[in-house]
Amino acid sequence: MIERIAQHDRINFLLTNRIPRRLATRFMGWFSRIEHPLLCRASMVVWQRFGGDLNLHEAKKSRFSSLHDCFVRELKEGARPIDSRPEVLVSPCDAIVVASGRVEGTELIQAKGLTYTLDELLVDPALAELHRDGVYVTLRLRSNMYHRFHAPGDCDVDEVIYVAGDTWNVNPIALRRIERLYCKNERAILRTRLRLSREPLTLVPIAAILVASIQLHVLDVRLDVKYGGPNRIPCRASFEKGEELGYFHHGSTIIVLASGDVTICDHIREGGSIRMGQPLLRREPR
């Protein structure tokens, strides 16, 4: 059994990472937007076969015009209750917890035996310094999950930093094999501050193969492999806890970074699942 699992992992790694990743990503972006009912249904059958159940009973609508339409589906009102306690910061998305803990200086854990640094991830020394010795949680959105992400708390967005990069798969086997993977992939860095305490809270949505496209509501452009605009995008926007920030056009990973009097909730464990709106971090009383 162990040998068969290892062989499956090797095949998965080869199929998703040893192909022209950016070309495959562009093709998927085009294919997923084809509006044809038969093609959409057939694609969704294949998707569920390999990606797992979609739980479409939670979706706001029951019919989809394309595969992409299903990927970015909205949920029914009340499908994700938001923890309203003021000291709680909630998960921005439905996800599997990949890693979490205290930032050791500026070093974070990617997978067992592999690390990366805030400077490499954030490409901004000043922002990296703000999160020195802070806390982090890495959240992986599986392909069958809800792909929109939301504000963990009442916050103000100050800037978006866009980093062009590769589109490695972010599945567990790739994380164990590719050093500093998150720092190589295309990503957006949302610089925010909690409204009351003014403490920094940074979200890093990371793209991956077939999913290198991020839509942020603070911007009027989509961040993807074709984006050619400025890397640093000033913006001023305020969001309430649970309010939608944007969405992946398929799904990937979000790293949440917090500093100050913030701790990780006790129930957060590697490999555990969490839903948007559930407690993720907690602000400790001063």
C-alpha atoms as a PDB file:
ATOM      1  CA  MET A   1       0.000   0.000   0.000  1.00  0.00           C
ATOM      2  CA  ILE A   2       2.772   2.463   0.945  1.00  0.00           C
ATOM      3  CA  GLU A   3       4.599   1.720  -2.318  1.00  0.00           C
ATOM      4  CA  ARG A   4       1.409   2.325  -4.315  1.00  0.00           C
ATOM      5  CA  ILE A   5       0.818   5.669  -2.575  1.00  0.00           C
ATOM      6  CA  ALA A   6       4.421   6.699  -3.259  1.00  0.00           C
ATOM      7  CA  GLN A   7       4.016   5.771  -6.921  1.00  0.00           C
ATOM      8  CA  HIS A   8       0.770   7.768  -7.146  1.00  0.00           C
ATOM      9  CA  ASP A   9       2.571  10.791  -5.630  1.00  0.00           C
ATOM     10  CA  ARG A  10       5.388  10.522  -8.171  1.00  0.00           C
ATOM     11  CA  ILE A  11       2.936  10.338 -11.094  1.00  0.00           C
ATOM     12  CA  ASN A  12       0.957  13.277  -9.702  1.00  0.00           C
ATOM     13  CA  PHE A  13       4.130  15.318  -9.383  1.00  0.00           C
ATOM     14  CA  LEU A  14       5.226  14.522 -12.943  1.00  0.00           C
ATOM     15  CA  LEU A  15       1.809  15.216 -14.501  1.00  0.00           C
ATOM     16  CA  THR A  16       1.294  18.560 -12.767  1.00  0.00           C
ATOM     17  CA  ASN A  17       4.808  19.968 -12.619  1.00  0.00           C
ATOM     18  CA  ARG A  18       6.823  18.558 -15.546  1.00  0.00           C
ATOM     19  CA  ILE A  19       4.608  20.061 -18.240  1.00  0.00           C
ATOM     20  CA  PRO A  20       4.621  23.604 -19.745  1.00  0.00           C
ATOM     21  CA  ARG A  21       2.903  25.095 -16.709  1.00  0.00           C
ATOM     22  CA  ARG A  22       2.134  28.588 -17.975  1.00  0.00           C
ATOM     23  CA  LEU A  23       0.877  27.267 -21.312  1.00  0.00           C
ATOM     24  CA  ALA A  24      -1.356  24.738 -19.536  1.00  0.00           C
ATOM     25  CA  THR A  25      -2.640  27.508 -17.272  1.00  0.00           C
ATOM     26  CA  ARG A  26      -3.561  29.757 -20.203  1.00  0.00           C
ATOM     27  CA  PHE A  27      -5.285  26.865 -21.955  1.00  0.00           C
ATOM     28  CA  MET A  28      -7.328  26.064 -18.846  1.00  0.00           C
ATOM     29  CA  GLY A  29      -8.316  29.702 -18.497  1.00  0.00           C
ATOM     30  CA  TRP A  30      -9.646  29.666 -22.065  1.00  0.00           C
ATOM     31  CA  PHE A  31     -11.267  26.229 -21.867  1.00  0.00           C
ATOM     32  CA  SER A  32     -13.040  26.842 -18.560  1.00  0.00           C
ATOM     33  CA  ARG A  33     -14.878  29.872 -19.986  1.00  0.00           C
ATOM     34  CA  ILE A  34     -16.433  28.058 -22.948  1.00  0.00           C
ATOM     35  CA  GLU A  35     -20.193  28.348 -22.489  1.00  0.00           C
ATOM     36  CA  HIS A  36     -21.784  25.119 -23.662  1.00  0.00           C
ATOM     37  CA  PRO A  37     -24.156  23.103 -21.431  1.00  0.00           C
ATOM     38  CA  LEU A  38     -22.950  19.643 -22.519  1.00  0.00           C
ATOM     39  CA  LEU A  39     -19.274  20.585 -22.212  1.00  0.00           C
ATOM     40  CA  CYS A  40     -19.910  22.185 -18.835  1.00  0.00           C
ATOM     41  CA  ARG A  41     -21.670  19.109 -17.448  1.00  0.00           C
ATOM     42  CA  ALA A  42     -19.028  16.720 -18.825  1.00  0.00           C
ATOM     43  CA  SER A  43     -16.217  18.860 -17.399  1.00  0.00           C
ATOM     44  CA  MET A  44     -17.877  18.958 -13.995  1.00  0.00           C
ATOM     45  CA  VAL A  45     -18.202  15.155 -13.983  1.00  0.00           C
ATOM     46  CA  VAL A  46     -14.461  14.827 -14.658  1.00  0.00           C
ATOM     47  CA  TRP A  47     -13.709  17.518 -12.081  1.00  0.00           C
ATOM     48  CA  GLN A  48     -15.676  15.708  -9.367  1.00  0.00           C
ATOM     49  CA  ARG A  49     -14.085  12.380 -10.311  1.00  0.00           C
ATOM     50  CA  PHE A  50     -10.587  13.701  -9.604  1.00  0.00           C
ATOM     51  CA  GLY A  51     -11.235  16.645  -7.271  1.00  0.00           C
ATOM     52  CA  GLY A  52     -13.979  15.339  -4.986  1.00  0.00           C
ATOM     53  CA  ASP A  53     -17.572  16.364  -4.307  1.00  0.00           C
ATOM     54  CA  LEU A  54     -18.427  20.001  -5.031  1.00  0.00           C
ATOM     55  CA  ASN A  55     -21.240  20.497  -2.474  1.00  0.00           C
ATOM     56  CA  LEU A  56     -23.204  22.533  -4.992  1.00  0.00           C
ATOM     57  CA  HIS A  57     -26.270  22.544  -2.730  1.00  0.00           C
ATOM     58  CA  GLU A  58     -24.596  25.522  -0.984  1.00  0.00           C
ATOM     59  CA  ALA A  59     -24.293  27.519  -4.208  1.00  0.00           C
ATOM     60  CA  LYS A  60     -26.481  30.556  -4.799  1.00  0.00           C
ATOM     61  CA  LYS A  61     -27.534  29.194  -8.197  1.00  0.00           C
ATOM     62  CA  SER A  62     -28.051  25.639  -9.405  1.00  0.00           C
ATOM     63  CA  ARG A  63     -27.145  26.015 -13.090  1.00  0.00           C
ATOM     64  CA  PHE A  64     -23.795  27.159 -14.479  1.00  0.00           C
ATOM     65  CA  SER A  65     -22.977  28.468 -17.934  1.00  0.00           C
ATOM     66  CA  SER A  66     -19.387  27.199 -17.922  1.00  0.00           C
ATOM     67  CA  LEU A  67     -16.810  25.426 -15.808  1.00  0.00           C
ATOM     68  CA  HIS A  68     -15.417  28.800 -14.774  1.00  0.00           C
ATOM     69  CA  ASP A  69     -18.878  29.918 -13.702  1.00  0.00           C
ATOM     70  CA  CYS A  70     -18.947  26.974 -11.296  1.00  0.00           C
ATOM     71  CA  PHE A  71     -15.384  27.602 -10.072  1.00  0.00           C
ATOM     72  CA  VAL A  72     -16.211  31.140  -8.926  1.00  0.00           C
ATOM     73  CA  ARG A  73     -19.673  30.308  -7.581  1.00  0.00           C
ATOM     74  CA  GLU A  74     -21.151  32.358  -4.770  1.00  0.00           C
ATOM     75  CA  LEU A  75     -22.820  30.731  -1.776  1.00  0.00           C
ATOM     76  CA  LYS A  76     -26.325  31.117  -0.428  1.00  0.00           C
ATOM     77  CA  GLU A  77     -26.861  33.782   2.222  1.00  0.00           C
ATOM     78  CA  GLY A  78     -25.922  32.377   5.626  1.00  0.00           C
ATOM     79  CA  ALA A  79     -23.994  29.372   4.285  1.00  0.00           C
ATOM     80  CA  ARG A  80     -20.890  30.572   6.143  1.00  0.00           C
ATOM     81  CA  PRO A  81     -21.720  32.102   9.554  1.00  0.00           C
ATOM     82  CA  ILE A  82     -19.125  34.686  10.620  1.00  0.00           C
ATOM     83  CA  ASP A  83     -17.816  34.567  14.209  1.00  0.00           C
ATOM     84  CA  SER A  84     -18.779  37.997  15.496  1.00  0.00           C
ATOM     85  CA  ARG A  85     -16.566  38.150  18.605  1.00  0.00           C
ATOM     86  CA  PRO A  86     -14.392  41.288  18.291  1.00  0.00           C
ATOM     87  CA  GLU A  87     -11.227  39.532  19.489  1.00  0.00           C
ATOM     88  CA  VAL A  88     -11.520  36.791  16.842  1.00  0.00           C
ATOM     89  CA  LEU A  89     -10.053  36.965  13.331  1.00  0.00           C
ATOM     90  CA  VAL A  90     -11.757  34.452  11.068  1.00  0.00           C
ATOM     91  CA  SER A  91     -10.501  32.260   8.270  1.00  0.00           C
ATOM     92  CA  PRO A  92     -10.668  34.130   4.958  1.00  0.00           C
ATOM     93  CA  CYS A  93     -11.591  30.972   3.028  1.00  0.00           C
ATOM     94  CA  ASP A  94     -12.552  27.324   3.083  1.00  0.00           C
ATOM     95  CA  ALA A  95      -9.273  25.437   3.302  1.00  0.00           C
ATOM     96  CA  ILE A  96      -6.985  22.728   4.600  1.00  0.00           C
ATOM     97  CA  VAL A  97      -4.372  23.975   7.088  1.00  0.00           C
ATOM     98  CA  VAL A  98      -0.958  23.268   5.564  1.00  0.00           C
ATOM     99  CA  ALA A  99       1.222  24.910   8.224  1.00  0.00           C
ATOM    100  CA  SER A 100       0.914  27.352  11.108  1.00  0.00           C
ATOM    101  CA  GLY A 101       2.957  28.713  13.959  1.00  0.00           C
ATOM    102  CA  ARG A 102       5.258  31.447  15.104  1.00  0.00           C
ATOM    103  CA  VAL A 103       7.522  33.137  12.577  1.00  0.00           C
ATOM    104  CA  GLU A 104      11.063  32.415  13.778  1.00  0.00           C
ATOM    105  CA  GLY A 105      12.621  35.792  13.126  1.00  0.00           C
ATOM    106  CA  THR A 106      11.657  35.959   9.469  1.00  0.00           C
ATOM    107  CA  GLU A 107      11.579  32.207   8.767  1.00  0.00           C
ATOM    108  CA  LEU A 108       8.410  30.179   8.096  1.00  0.00           C
ATOM    109  CA  ILE A 109       7.853  26.462   7.508  1.00  0.00           C
ATOM    110  CA  GLN A 110       6.728  25.333   4.055  1.00  0.00           C
ATOM    111  CA  ALA A 111       6.869  21.589   4.753  1.00  0.00           C
ATOM    112  CA  LYS A 112       8.911  19.285   6.962  1.00  0.00           C
ATOM    113  CA  GLY A 113      12.560  20.159   6.426  1.00  0.00           C
ATOM    114  CA  LEU A 114      11.840  23.096   4.078  1.00  0.00           C
ATOM    115  CA  THR A 115      11.590  26.747   5.043  1.00  0.00           C
ATOM    116  CA  TYR A 116      11.350  30.159   3.393  1.00  0.00           C
ATOM    117  CA  THR A 117      11.608  33.737   4.613  1.00  0.00           C
ATOM    118  CA  LEU A 118       9.306  36.725   4.810  1.00  0.00           C
ATOM    119  CA  ASP A 119      11.698  38.739   2.644  1.00  0.00           C
ATOM    120  CA  GLU A 120      11.468  36.148  -0.149  1.00  0.00           C
ATOM    121  CA  LEU A 121       7.682  35.898   0.108  1.00  0.00           C
ATOM    122  CA  LEU A 122       6.774  39.570   0.497  1.00  0.00           C
ATOM    123  CA  VAL A 123       9.580  41.184  -1.594  1.00  0.00           C
ATOM    124  CA  ASP A 124       9.348  44.199   0.708  1.00  0.00           C
ATOM    125  CA  PRO A 125      11.888  44.429   3.573  1.00  0.00           C
ATOM    126  CA  ALA A 126       9.778  46.935   5.518  1.00  0.00           C
ATOM    127  CA  LEU A 127       6.671  44.734   5.373  1.00  0.00           C
ATOM    128  CA  ALA A 128       8.733  41.669   6.254  1.00  0.00           C
ATOM    129  CA  GLU A 129      10.073  43.490   9.306  1.00  0.00           C
ATOM    130  CA  LEU A 130       6.509  44.290  10.443  1.00  0.00           C
ATOM    131  CA  HIS A 131       5.795  40.561  10.626  1.00  0.00           C
ATOM    132  CA  ARG A 132       9.075  39.512  12.245  1.00  0.00           C
ATOM    133  CA  ASP A 133       8.335  37.067  15.080  1.00  0.00           C
ATOM    134  CA  GLY A 134       4.637  37.241  14.245  1.00  0.00           C
ATOM    135  CA  VAL A 135       2.311  34.331  13.476  1.00  0.00           C
ATOM    136  CA  TYR A 136       1.258  32.704  10.226  1.00  0.00           C
ATOM    137  CA  VAL A 137      -1.271  30.201   8.900  1.00  0.00           C
ATOM    138  CA  THR A 138      -1.019  28.645   5.430  1.00  0.00           C
ATOM    139  CA  LEU A 139      -4.399  27.715   3.958  1.00  0.00           C
ATOM    140  CA  ARG A 140      -4.771  25.509   0.883  1.00  0.00           C
ATOM    141  CA  LEU A 141      -7.975  25.653  -1.147  1.00  0.00           C
ATOM    142  CA  ARG A 142      -8.654  22.304  -2.779  1.00  0.00           C
ATOM    143  CA  SER A 143     -10.127  22.352  -6.283  1.00  0.00           C
ATOM    144  CA  ASN A 144     -13.605  21.350  -5.093  1.00  0.00           C
ATOM    145  CA  MET A 145     -13.831  24.069  -2.437  1.00  0.00           C
ATOM    146  CA  TYR A 146     -15.488  27.477  -2.437  1.00  0.00           C
ATOM    147  CA  HIS A 147     -12.950  29.798  -4.091  1.00  0.00           C
ATOM    148  CA  ARG A 148     -13.834  33.246  -2.800  1.00  0.00           C
ATOM    149  CA  PHE A 149     -11.945  34.807   0.096  1.00  0.00           C
ATOM    150  CA  HIS A 150     -13.014  37.324   2.703  1.00  0.00           C
ATOM    151  CA  ALA A 151     -11.710  39.786   5.286  1.00  0.00           C
ATOM    152  CA  PRO A 152     -10.586  38.060   8.521  1.00  0.00           C
ATOM    153  CA  GLY A 153     -11.549  41.159  10.498  1.00  0.00           C
ATOM    154  CA  ASP A 154     -12.540  44.797  10.111  1.00  0.00           C
ATOM    155  CA  CYS A 155      -9.582  46.151   8.166  1.00  0.00           C
ATOM    156  CA  ASP A 156      -8.274  48.805   5.793  1.00  0.00           C
ATOM    157  CA  VAL A 157      -6.378  47.779   2.654  1.00  0.00           C
ATOM    158  CA  ASP A 158      -3.409  50.088   2.009  1.00  0.00           C
ATOM    159  CA  GLU A 159      -1.661  48.495  -0.953  1.00  0.00           C
ATOM    160  CA  VAL A 160      -1.498  45.477  -3.238  1.00  0.00           C
ATOM    161  CA  ILE A 161       1.893  44.145  -4.334  1.00  0.00           C
ATOM    162  CA  TYR A 162       1.772  41.904  -7.387  1.00  0.00           C
ATOM    163  CA  VAL A 163       4.626  39.441  -7.945  1.00  0.00           C
ATOM    164  CA  ALA A 164       4.862  37.721 -11.326  1.00  0.00           C
ATOM    165  CA  GLY A 165       6.184  34.197 -11.125  1.00  0.00           C
ATOM    166  CA  ASP A 166       5.867  30.538 -11.944  1.00  0.00           C
ATOM    167  CA  THR A 167       2.797  28.315 -11.602  1.00  0.00           C
ATOM    168  CA  TRP A 168       4.029  25.275  -9.687  1.00  0.00           C
ATOM    169  CA  ASN A 169       1.354  23.031  -8.229  1.00  0.00           C
ATOM    170  CA  VAL A 170       0.944  23.667  -4.493  1.00  0.00           C
ATOM    171  CA  ASN A 171      -0.149  20.135  -3.569  1.00  0.00           C
ATOM    172  CA  PRO A 172       1.624  18.356  -0.656  1.00  0.00           C
ATOM    173  CA  ILE A 173       4.149  16.426  -2.756  1.00  0.00           C
ATOM    174  CA  ALA A 174       5.287  19.604  -4.542  1.00  0.00           C
ATOM    175  CA  LEU A 175       5.634  21.388  -1.193  1.00  0.00           C
ATOM    176  CA  ARG A 176       7.917  18.578   0.007  1.00  0.00           C
ATOM    177  CA  ARG A 177      10.091  18.688  -3.128  1.00  0.00           C
ATOM    178  CA  ILE A 178      10.289  22.286  -4.393  1.00  0.00           C
ATOM    179  CA  GLU A 179      12.247  24.615  -2.141  1.00  0.00           C
ATOM    180  CA  ARG A 180      10.706  28.051  -1.460  1.00  0.00           C
ATOM    181  CA  LEU A 181       7.778  27.164  -3.721  1.00  0.00           C
ATOM    182  CA  TYR A 182       5.490  29.953  -2.479  1.00  0.00           C
ATOM    183  CA  CYS A 183       8.237  32.483  -3.188  1.00  0.00           C
ATOM    184  CA  LYS A 184       8.548  31.252  -6.791  1.00  0.00           C
ATOM    185  CA  ASN A 185       4.872  31.309  -7.704  1.00  0.00           C
ATOM    186  CA  GLU A 186       2.769  34.200  -8.925  1.00  0.00           C
ATOM    187  CA  ARG A 187       1.075  35.972  -6.025  1.00  0.00           C
ATOM    188  CA  ALA A 188      -0.626  39.083  -4.717  1.00  0.00           C
ATOM    189  CA  ILE A 189       0.219  40.648  -1.354  1.00  0.00           C
ATOM    190  CA  LEU A 190      -2.619  42.512   0.373  1.00  0.00           C
ATOM    191  CA  ARG A 191      -1.290  44.953   2.951  1.00  0.00           C
ATOM    192  CA  THR A 192      -4.015  45.646   5.494  1.00  0.00           C
ATOM    193  CA  ARG A 193      -4.312  46.990   9.024  1.00  0.00           C
ATOM    194  CA  LEU A 194      -6.893  46.024  11.593  1.00  0.00           C
ATOM    195  CA  ARG A 195      -9.198  48.975  12.001  1.00  0.00           C
ATOM    196  CA  LEU A 196      -9.206  49.323  15.776  1.00  0.00           C
ATOM    197  CA  SER A 197      -5.666  48.322  16.774  1.00  0.00           C
ATOM    198  CA  ARG A 198      -3.918  49.372  13.509  1.00  0.00           C
ATOM    199  CA  GLU A 199      -1.875  46.160  13.754  1.00  0.00           C
ATOM    200  CA  PRO A 200      -0.671  44.768  10.399  1.00  0.00           C
ATOM    201  CA  LEU A 201      -2.560  41.860   8.841  1.00  0.00           C
ATOM    202  CA  THR A 202      -1.260  40.640   5.483  1.00  0.00           C
ATOM    203  CA  LEU A 203      -2.899  38.150   3.140  1.00  0.00           C
ATOM    204  CA  VAL A 204      -0.903  36.501   0.362  1.00  0.00           C
ATOM    205  CA  PRO A 205      -3.098  34.737  -2.246  1.00  0.00           C
ATOM    206  CA  ILE A 206      -0.800  32.456  -4.256  1.00  0.00           C
ATOM    207  CA  ALA A 207      -1.555  31.201  -7.760  1.00  0.00           C
ATOM    208  CA  ALA A 208      -0.690  27.732  -9.064  1.00  0.00           C
ATOM    209  CA  ILE A 209      -0.832  25.630 -12.220  1.00  0.00           C
ATOM    210  CA  LEU A 210      -4.204  26.010 -13.985  1.00  0.00           C
ATOM    211  CA  VAL A 211      -5.239  28.660 -11.430  1.00  0.00           C
ATOM    212  CA  ALA A 212      -2.931  31.645 -12.020  1.00  0.00           C
ATOM    213  CA  SER A 213      -5.642  34.277 -11.910  1.00  0.00           C
ATOM    214  CA  ILE A 214      -6.687  36.380  -8.917  1.00  0.00           C
ATOM    215  CA  GLN A 215      -9.508  38.934  -8.820  1.00  0.00           C
ATOM    216  CA  LEU A 216      -9.398  41.550  -6.051  1.00  0.00           C
ATOM    217  CA  HIS A 217     -12.343  43.861  -5.511  1.00  0.00           C
ATOM    218  CA  VAL A 218     -10.036  46.769  -4.638  1.00  0.00           C
ATOM    219  CA  LEU A 219      -8.628  46.663  -8.197  1.00  0.00           C
ATOM    220  CA  ASP A 220     -10.314  47.086 -11.567  1.00  0.00           C
ATOM    221  CA  VAL A 221      -7.965  44.592 -13.256  1.00  0.00           C
ATOM    222  CA  ARG A 222      -7.465  40.846 -12.964  1.00  0.00           C
ATOM    223  CA  LEU A 223      -4.039  39.665 -11.829  1.00  0.00           C
ATOM    224  CA  ASP A 224      -2.946  36.817 -14.080  1.00  0.00           C
ATOM    225  CA  VAL A 225      -0.209  35.647 -16.433  1.00  0.00           C
ATOM    226  CA  LYS A 226      -1.152  38.408 -18.910  1.00  0.00           C
ATOM    227  CA  TYR A 227      -1.040  41.263 -16.402  1.00  0.00           C
ATOM    228  CA  GLY A 228       1.494  43.909 -17.364  1.00  0.00           C
ATOM    229  CA  GLY A 229       0.707  46.757 -15.000  1.00  0.00           C
ATOM    230  CA  PRO A 230       2.602  48.171 -12.000  1.00  0.00           C
ATOM    231  CA  ASN A 231       3.862  45.803  -9.317  1.00  0.00           C
ATOM    232  CA  ARG A 232       2.911  48.094  -6.439  1.00  0.00           C
ATOM    233  CA  ILE A 233      -0.678  49.272  -6.574  1.00  0.00           C
ATOM    234  CA  PRO A 234      -1.755  51.839  -3.935  1.00  0.00           C
ATOM    235  CA  CYS A 235      -5.373  51.587  -2.874  1.00  0.00           C
ATOM    236  CA  ARG A 236      -7.648  52.719  -0.076  1.00  0.00           C
ATOM    237  CA  ALA A 237     -10.545  50.490   0.840  1.00  0.00           C
ATOM    238  CA  SER A 238     -12.240  49.360   4.024  1.00  0.00           C
ATOM    239  CA  PHE A 239     -13.789  45.955   4.644  1.00  0.00           C
ATOM    240  CA  GLU A 240     -15.946  44.550   7.411  1.00  0.00           C
ATOM    241  CA  LYS A 241     -15.205  41.128   8.903  1.00  0.00           C
ATOM    242  CA  GLY A 242     -16.464  38.476   6.471  1.00  0.00           C
ATOM    243  CA  GLU A 243     -16.858  40.882   3.548  1.00  0.00           C
ATOM    244  CA  GLU A 244     -15.617  39.458   0.250  1.00  0.00           C
ATOM    245  CA  LEU A 245     -12.128  40.592  -0.795  1.00  0.00           C
ATOM    246  CA  GLY A 246     -11.901  38.686  -4.071  1.00  0.00           C
ATOM    247  CA  TYR A 247     -11.595  35.229  -5.536  1.00  0.00           C
ATOM    248  CA  PHE A 248      -9.325  32.791  -7.281  1.00  0.00           C
ATOM    249  CA  HIS A 249     -10.481  31.882 -10.740  1.00  0.00           C
ATOM    250  CA  HIS A 250      -9.938  28.242  -9.762  1.00  0.00           C
ATOM    251  CA  GLY A 251      -8.256  27.891  -6.340  1.00  0.00           C
ATOM    252  CA  SER A 252      -4.887  27.766  -4.639  1.00  0.00           C
ATOM    253  CA  THR A 253      -3.341  28.966  -1.347  1.00  0.00           C
ATOM    254  CA  ILE A 254      -3.600  31.919   1.040  1.00  0.00           C
ATOM    255  CA  ILE A 255      -0.951  32.706   3.648  1.00  0.00           C
ATOM    256  CA  VAL A 256      -2.233  34.839   6.550  1.00  0.00           C
ATOM    257  CA  LEU A 257       0.374  36.877   8.464  1.00  0.00           C
ATOM    258  CA  ALA A 258      -0.388  38.725  11.701  1.00  0.00           C
ATOM    259  CA  SER A 259       1.652  40.654  14.249  1.00  0.00           C
ATOM    260  CA  GLY A 260       1.175  42.285  17.603  1.00  0.00           C
ATOM    261  CA  ASP A 261      -0.965  40.702  20.310  1.00  0.00           C
ATOM    262  CA  VAL A 262      -2.319  37.967  18.042  1.00  0.00           C
ATOM    263  CA  THR A 263      -2.202  34.203  18.616  1.00  0.00           C
ATOM    264  CA  ILE A 264      -3.372  31.199  16.611  1.00  0.00           C
ATOM    265  CA  CYS A 265      -6.589  29.580  17.847  1.00  0.00           C
ATOM    266  CA  ASP A 266      -6.017  26.320  19.736  1.00  0.00           C
ATOM    267  CA  HIS A 267      -8.032  24.151  17.328  1.00  0.00           C
ATOM    268  CA  ILE A 268      -5.872  25.015  14.288  1.00  0.00           C
ATOM    269  CA  ARG A 269      -3.899  21.904  13.364  1.00  0.00           C
ATOM    270  CA  GLU A 270      -1.876  20.866  10.318  1.00  0.00           C
ATOM    271  CA  GLY A 271      -4.074  18.782   8.014  1.00  0.00           C
ATOM    272  CA  GLY A 272      -7.283  20.026   9.618  1.00  0.00           C
ATOM    273  CA  SER A 273     -10.043  21.686   7.648  1.00  0.00           C
ATOM    274  CA  ILE A 274     -11.604  25.083   8.280  1.00  0.00           C
ATOM    275  CA  ARG A 275     -14.402  27.086   6.730  1.00  0.00           C
ATOM    276  CA  MET A 276     -14.575  30.740   5.945  1.00  0.00           C
ATOM    277  CA  GLY A 277     -15.916  32.627   8.960  1.00  0.00           C
ATOM    278  CA  GLN A 278     -14.635  30.194  11.578  1.00  0.00           C
ATOM    279  CA  PRO A 279     -12.083  31.373  14.189  1.00  0.00           C
ATOM    280  CA  LEU A 280      -8.482  31.381  12.939  1.00  0.00           C
ATOM    281  CA  LEU A 281      -6.612  33.918  15.075  1.00  0.00           C
ATOM    282  CA  ARG A 282      -7.311  35.678  18.342  1.00  0.00           C
ATOM    283  CA  ARG A 283      -6.276  39.119  19.552  1.00  0.00           C
ATOM    284  CA  GLU A 284      -5.118  38.904  23.141  1.00  0.00           C
ATOM    285  CA  PRO A 285      -6.325  41.599  25.578  1.00  0.00           C
ATOM    286  CA  ARG A 286      -3.635  44.043  26.621  1.00  0.00           C
END
